[in-house]
N, C-alpha and C. Protein backbone atom coordinates (compact mmCIF):
# COMPACT_ATOMS: atom_id res chain seq x y z
N MET A 1 0.59 -1.35 0.05
CA MET A 1 -0.02 -0.13 0.08
C MET A 1 1.01 1.19 0.10
N LEU A 2 0.48 2.29 -0.87
CA LEU A 2 1.25 3.61 -0.86
C LEU A 2 0.95 4.38 0.18
N GLN A 3 1.93 4.97 0.73
CA GLN A 3 1.55 5.82 1.59
C GLN A 3 1.43 7.10 1.18
N ARG A 4 0.82 8.03 1.90
CA ARG A 4 0.45 9.40 1.41
C ARG A 4 1.30 10.26 0.57
N PRO A 5 2.54 10.29 1.21
CA PRO A 5 3.44 11.64 0.47
C PRO A 5 3.72 10.93 -0.95
N TRP A 6 4.17 9.48 -1.12
CA TRP A 6 4.21 8.89 -2.25
C TRP A 6 3.35 9.39 -3.38
N VAL A 7 1.86 9.16 -2.79
CA VAL A 7 0.75 9.74 -3.63
C VAL A 7 0.54 10.69 -4.16
N ALA A 8 1.10 11.71 -3.35
CA ALA A 8 1.24 13.19 -3.51
C ALA A 8 2.53 13.61 -4.32
N LEU A 9 3.40 12.89 -4.33
CA LEU A 9 4.34 13.03 -5.44
C LEU A 9 4.15 12.61 -6.48
N MET A 10 3.65 11.47 -6.76
CA MET A 10 3.54 10.74 -7.88
C MET A 10 2.22 11.84 -8.89
N LEU A 11 1.52 12.26 -7.93
CA LEU A 11 0.28 13.20 -8.90
C LEU A 11 1.28 14.32 -9.29
N ALA A 12 2.12 15.02 -8.26
CA ALA A 12 2.64 16.28 -8.85
C ALA A 12 3.74 15.94 -10.06
N VAL A 13 4.16 14.46 -10.06
CA VAL A 13 4.90 14.13 -11.19
C VAL A 13 3.98 14.23 -12.91
N VAL A 14 3.02 13.60 -12.23
CA VAL A 14 2.03 13.29 -13.29
C VAL A 14 1.51 14.63 -13.82
N TRP A 15 0.98 15.87 -12.78
CA TRP A 15 0.64 16.88 -13.28
C TRP A 15 1.78 17.75 -13.88
N LEU A 16 3.13 17.63 -13.49
CA LEU A 16 3.88 18.68 -14.49
C LEU A 16 4.26 17.77 -15.77
N ALA A 17 4.07 16.57 -15.64
CA ALA A 17 4.35 15.97 -17.07
C ALA A 17 3.13 16.32 -18.04
N ALA A 18 2.28 16.77 -17.31
CA ALA A 18 0.96 16.98 -18.53
C ALA A 18 0.79 18.56 -18.60
N THR A 19 1.59 19.28 -18.01
CA THR A 19 1.63 20.53 -18.00
C THR A 19 2.57 21.17 -19.01
N PRO A 20 1.84 21.90 -20.28
CA PRO A 20 2.37 22.25 -21.44
C PRO A 20 3.79 23.29 -20.84
N ALA A 21 4.78 23.37 -21.60
CA ALA A 21 5.56 24.22 -20.88
C ALA A 21 6.68 24.55 -22.13
N THR A 22 7.11 25.63 -22.53
CA THR A 22 8.20 25.73 -23.58
C THR A 22 9.21 25.72 -23.33
N THR A 23 10.42 25.14 -24.01
CA THR A 23 11.71 24.42 -23.93
C THR A 23 12.13 25.60 -22.90
N GLY A 24 12.82 25.24 -22.04
CA GLY A 24 13.86 26.27 -21.32
C GLY A 24 12.97 27.31 -20.32
N GLU A 25 11.84 26.98 -20.10
CA GLU A 25 10.57 27.67 -19.34
C GLU A 25 11.23 27.48 -17.59
N ILE A 26 11.31 28.59 -17.05
CA ILE A 26 11.62 28.56 -15.91
C ILE A 26 10.40 29.27 -15.11
N LEU A 27 9.70 28.79 -13.99
CA LEU A 27 8.45 29.36 -13.23
C LEU A 27 8.97 30.31 -12.68
N SER A 28 8.08 31.64 -12.72
CA SER A 28 8.27 32.76 -11.87
C SER A 28 7.72 32.41 -10.57
N GLY A 29 8.31 33.16 -9.57
CA GLY A 29 7.34 33.02 -8.22
C GLY A 29 5.92 32.88 -8.18
N GLU A 30 5.39 33.69 -8.88
CA GLU A 30 3.92 34.08 -9.08
C GLU A 30 3.39 32.65 -9.91
N ASN A 31 3.86 31.85 -10.57
CA ASN A 31 3.43 30.84 -11.17
C ASN A 31 3.78 30.06 -10.31
N TRP A 32 4.84 29.39 -9.68
CA TRP A 32 5.08 28.33 -8.85
C TRP A 32 3.95 28.26 -7.81
N ARG A 33 3.55 29.72 -7.21
CA ARG A 33 2.43 29.79 -5.98
C ARG A 33 1.49 29.04 -6.73
N ARG A 34 0.76 29.13 -7.71
CA ARG A 34 -0.15 28.46 -8.48
C ARG A 34 -0.22 26.99 -8.65
N LEU A 35 0.86 26.17 -8.37
CA LEU A 35 1.07 24.92 -8.62
C LEU A 35 0.21 24.59 -7.37
N PRO A 36 -0.09 23.30 -7.47
CA PRO A 36 -0.38 22.38 -6.30
C PRO A 36 0.48 21.88 -5.31
N PRO A 37 0.29 21.81 -4.24
CA PRO A 37 1.35 22.03 -2.91
C PRO A 37 2.60 20.74 -3.27
N ALA A 38 2.03 19.32 -3.97
CA ALA A 38 2.87 18.67 -4.03
C ALA A 38 3.77 19.10 -5.28
N ALA A 39 3.31 19.68 -6.20
CA ALA A 39 4.12 20.34 -7.29
C ALA A 39 5.12 21.49 -7.08
N ARG A 40 4.84 22.38 -5.74
CA ARG A 40 5.54 23.36 -5.44
C ARG A 40 7.03 22.32 -4.88
N ALA A 41 6.51 21.43 -4.00
CA ALA A 41 7.61 20.86 -3.36
C ALA A 41 8.36 20.25 -4.53
N ALA A 42 7.90 19.32 -5.39
CA ALA A 42 8.94 18.74 -6.24
C ALA A 42 9.85 19.76 -7.16
N TYR A 43 9.24 20.94 -7.10
CA TYR A 43 10.03 21.86 -7.94
C TYR A 43 11.10 22.38 -7.29
N VAL A 44 10.82 22.97 -5.94
CA VAL A 44 12.24 23.32 -5.26
C VAL A 44 13.13 22.15 -5.04
N SER A 45 12.43 21.09 -4.62
CA SER A 45 13.63 19.62 -4.50
C SER A 45 14.21 19.62 -5.69
N GLY A 46 13.62 19.85 -6.94
CA GLY A 46 14.63 19.72 -8.23
C GLY A 46 15.32 20.66 -8.10
N ILE A 47 15.23 21.80 -7.78
CA ILE A 47 16.25 23.03 -7.95
C ILE A 47 17.60 22.60 -7.02
N ILE A 48 17.38 21.88 -5.61
CA ILE A 48 18.13 21.76 -4.76
C ILE A 48 19.15 20.56 -5.24
N ASP A 49 18.40 19.29 -6.19
CA ASP A 49 18.95 18.41 -6.50
C ASP A 49 20.04 18.87 -7.44
N ALA A 50 19.74 19.93 -8.67
CA ALA A 50 20.49 20.36 -9.34
C ALA A 50 21.56 20.94 -8.93
N TRP A 51 21.35 21.87 -8.03
CA TRP A 51 22.54 22.52 -7.33
C TRP A 51 23.48 21.42 -6.57
N SER A 52 22.94 20.38 -6.05
CA SER A 52 23.95 19.30 -5.55
C SER A 52 24.69 18.57 -6.70
N GLY A 53 24.03 18.32 -8.03
CA GLY A 53 24.95 17.86 -9.00
C GLY A 53 26.08 18.92 -9.39
N LEU A 54 25.52 19.98 -9.71
CA LEU A 54 26.63 20.89 -9.97
C LEU A 54 27.72 20.78 -8.64
N ALA A 55 27.36 20.97 -7.65
CA ALA A 55 28.24 20.80 -6.40
C ALA A 55 29.35 19.76 -6.57
N LEU A 56 29.02 18.38 -6.78
CA LEU A 56 29.60 17.31 -7.21
C LEU A 56 30.40 17.34 -8.37
N THR A 57 29.83 17.47 -9.23
CA THR A 57 30.81 17.69 -10.55
C THR A 57 31.84 18.63 -10.16
N GLN A 58 31.85 19.88 -9.69
CA GLN A 58 32.71 20.37 -9.09
C GLN A 58 33.74 19.80 -8.21
N GLU A 59 33.56 19.04 -7.38
CA GLU A 59 34.19 18.33 -6.28
C GLU A 59 35.02 17.66 -7.62
N SER A 60 34.13 16.76 -8.37
CA SER A 60 35.13 15.57 -8.77
C SER A 60 35.80 16.14 -9.74
N LEU A 61 35.69 17.20 -10.38
CA LEU A 61 36.89 17.66 -11.35
C LEU A 61 38.13 18.70 -10.52
N GLY A 62 37.72 18.64 -9.37
CA GLY A 62 38.72 19.24 -8.38
C GLY A 62 38.72 21.12 -8.81
N THR A 63 37.91 21.69 -9.20
CA THR A 63 37.78 22.97 -9.52
C THR A 63 37.15 23.91 -8.68
N LYS A 64 37.32 24.92 -8.51
CA LYS A 64 36.69 26.24 -7.49
C LYS A 64 36.07 27.47 -8.45
N ASP A 65 35.04 26.92 -9.21
CA ASP A 65 34.51 28.01 -10.05
C ASP A 65 33.32 28.59 -9.18
N GLN A 66 34.01 30.09 -8.81
CA GLN A 66 32.87 30.72 -7.94
C GLN A 66 31.41 30.63 -8.56
N ALA A 67 31.05 30.63 -9.75
CA ALA A 67 29.41 30.61 -10.29
C ALA A 67 29.07 29.09 -9.54
N ILE A 68 29.88 28.17 -9.52
CA ILE A 68 29.19 26.95 -9.01
C ILE A 68 29.34 27.01 -7.43
N THR A 69 30.36 27.11 -6.79
CA THR A 69 30.67 27.32 -5.54
C THR A 69 29.55 28.07 -4.62
N VAL A 70 28.99 29.11 -5.46
CA VAL A 70 27.92 29.45 -4.49
C VAL A 70 26.54 28.70 -4.39
N PHE A 71 26.47 27.79 -5.17
CA PHE A 71 25.42 27.03 -4.99
C PHE A 71 25.81 25.81 -3.90
N ALA A 72 27.34 25.43 -4.51
CA ALA A 72 27.57 24.32 -3.25
C ALA A 72 27.34 24.81 -1.83
N ASP A 73 27.79 26.04 -1.77
CA ASP A 73 27.76 27.06 -0.03
C ASP A 73 26.09 26.64 0.52
N VAL A 74 25.35 26.78 -0.58
CA VAL A 74 23.60 26.64 -0.41
C VAL A 74 23.51 25.27 -0.19
N VAL A 75 23.77 24.43 -0.93
CA VAL A 75 23.66 23.02 -0.43
C VAL A 75 24.35 22.49 0.57
N GLY A 76 25.38 22.52 0.82
CA GLY A 76 26.49 22.49 2.15
C GLY A 76 25.57 23.08 3.27
N CYS A 77 24.91 24.14 3.13
CA CYS A 77 23.91 24.49 4.45
C CYS A 77 22.98 23.78 4.67
N VAL A 78 22.31 23.57 3.64
CA VAL A 78 21.04 22.54 3.89
C VAL A 78 21.29 21.30 4.40
N ARG A 79 22.26 20.63 4.08
CA ARG A 79 23.17 19.09 4.42
C ARG A 79 23.57 19.56 6.08
N ASP A 80 24.54 20.71 6.26
CA ASP A 80 24.88 20.97 7.45
C ASP A 80 23.85 21.05 8.61
N ARG A 81 22.86 21.94 8.15
CA ARG A 81 21.71 21.81 9.19
C ARG A 81 20.57 20.98 9.32
N ALA A 82 21.03 20.02 8.34
CA ALA A 82 20.33 18.98 8.39
C ALA A 82 18.73 19.40 8.25
N LEU A 83 18.32 20.15 7.28
CA LEU A 83 17.06 20.81 6.48
C LEU A 83 16.33 19.70 5.91
N ALA A 84 15.39 19.15 6.59
CA ALA A 84 14.20 18.33 5.61
C ALA A 84 13.86 18.99 4.18
N ALA A 85 13.33 18.39 3.23
CA ALA A 85 12.59 18.89 2.25
C ALA A 85 11.45 19.88 2.59
N SER A 86 10.81 19.26 3.78
CA SER A 86 9.63 20.06 4.06
C SER A 86 9.98 21.47 4.56
N GLN A 87 11.09 21.51 5.45
CA GLN A 87 11.63 22.97 6.18
C GLN A 87 12.01 23.88 5.13
N VAL A 88 12.90 23.24 4.08
CA VAL A 88 13.19 23.99 2.86
C VAL A 88 12.01 24.46 2.11
N LEU A 89 11.04 23.94 1.92
CA LEU A 89 9.97 24.13 0.95
C LEU A 89 9.33 25.46 1.86
N ASP A 90 8.86 24.98 3.20
CA ASP A 90 8.61 26.33 4.16
C ASP A 90 9.44 27.38 4.08
N LEU A 91 10.60 27.44 3.90
CA LEU A 91 11.58 28.58 4.06
C LEU A 91 11.20 29.29 2.87
N VAL A 92 11.10 28.66 1.60
CA VAL A 92 10.80 29.14 0.11
C VAL A 92 9.38 29.75 0.50
N GLU A 93 8.54 28.94 0.73
CA GLU A 93 7.03 29.65 0.79
C GLU A 93 7.07 30.78 1.58
N ARG A 94 7.47 30.89 2.80
CA ARG A 94 7.46 31.87 3.73
C ARG A 94 8.12 33.10 3.05
N TYR A 95 9.17 32.63 2.41
CA TYR A 95 10.15 33.90 1.84
C TYR A 95 9.36 34.38 0.57
N ALA A 96 8.67 33.50 -0.12
CA ALA A 96 7.93 34.34 -1.48
C ALA A 96 6.51 35.00 -0.79
N GLU A 97 5.97 34.50 0.53
CA GLU A 97 4.85 35.29 0.96
C GLU A 97 5.43 36.64 1.60
N ASP A 98 6.41 36.50 2.20
CA ASP A 98 7.01 37.89 2.73
C ASP A 98 7.70 38.98 1.78
N ASN A 99 7.75 38.45 0.59
CA ASN A 99 8.57 39.37 -0.64
C ASN A 99 7.65 39.51 -1.34
N PRO A 100 6.15 39.69 -1.45
CA PRO A 100 5.64 39.73 -2.76
C PRO A 100 6.03 40.30 -4.16
N GLY A 101 7.03 41.63 -4.08
CA GLY A 101 7.20 42.53 -4.97
C GLY A 101 8.83 41.36 -5.58
N LEU A 102 8.92 40.38 -5.31
CA LEU A 102 9.68 39.34 -5.83
C LEU A 102 9.22 38.39 -6.90
N ARG A 103 7.82 38.16 -6.70
CA ARG A 103 7.13 37.06 -7.67
C ARG A 103 7.64 37.28 -8.65
N ASN A 104 7.84 38.01 -9.48
CA ASN A 104 8.05 38.01 -10.91
C ASN A 104 9.47 37.25 -11.00
N LYS A 105 10.15 37.11 -10.06
CA LYS A 105 11.45 36.90 -10.25
C LYS A 105 11.54 35.32 -10.43
N GLU A 106 12.42 34.53 -11.24
CA GLU A 106 12.27 33.18 -11.30
C GLU A 106 12.70 32.36 -10.12
N MET A 107 11.85 31.11 -9.95
CA MET A 107 12.08 30.75 -8.83
C MET A 107 13.70 29.97 -8.37
N PRO A 108 14.56 29.68 -9.36
CA PRO A 108 15.43 29.35 -8.79
C PRO A 108 16.19 30.29 -7.91
N ASP A 109 16.07 31.61 -8.36
CA ASP A 109 16.33 32.82 -7.60
C ASP A 109 15.81 33.12 -6.18
N LEU A 110 14.66 32.88 -6.42
CA LEU A 110 13.79 33.01 -4.82
C LEU A 110 13.91 31.79 -4.06
N VAL A 111 14.55 30.63 -4.25
CA VAL A 111 14.87 29.49 -3.53
C VAL A 111 16.33 30.16 -3.21
N PHE A 112 17.38 30.40 -4.03
CA PHE A 112 18.75 30.91 -3.49
C PHE A 112 18.14 32.05 -2.77
N ALA A 113 17.60 32.93 -2.83
CA ALA A 113 17.57 34.19 -1.85
C ALA A 113 17.10 33.54 -0.26
N ALA A 114 16.02 32.65 -0.30
CA ALA A 114 15.39 32.26 0.77
C ALA A 114 16.57 31.29 1.58
N LEU A 115 17.35 30.71 0.72
CA LEU A 115 18.10 29.73 1.78
C LEU A 115 19.34 30.58 2.30
N THR A 116 19.72 31.50 0.88
CA THR A 116 21.01 32.47 1.55
C THR A 116 20.68 32.97 3.01
N GLN A 117 19.44 33.57 2.89
CA GLN A 117 18.88 34.26 4.09
C GLN A 117 18.83 33.77 5.03
N ARG A 118 18.40 32.19 4.98
CA ARG A 118 18.61 31.42 6.16
C ARG A 118 20.19 31.00 6.87
N CYS A 119 20.64 30.65 5.45
CA CYS A 119 22.13 30.27 5.85
C CYS A 119 22.83 31.22 6.65
N ARG A 120 22.76 32.57 6.64
CA ARG A 120 23.32 33.65 7.12
C ARG A 120 23.15 33.74 8.70
N ARG A 121 22.00 32.99 9.18
CA ARG A 121 21.56 33.42 10.88
C ARG A 121 22.32 32.25 11.37
């Protein structure tokens, strides 16, 4: 029997797959807020996963490209503070709610800003 979180995740994946998007489209904060909760969670998790991949690639190549290091720092903060996916999502949702003037920005920018703000504390 499937547990509820898996059902929500599967529904989010199906919803995202069925949603038309142009190639390379990145959601704005406002469009992200219109997604169902499970889709919002999956989108934020995907951003963090992408940054983790960049950080791992940089480590394996032994380079220190500053454009990648900033993402590695955020991923490291999430890992070091043992933030669960639900906590990351809560931080991003709160940041988007508290900063309505930034909702036209792209979601990776909002996720980065929200986590950077949290990691400075």
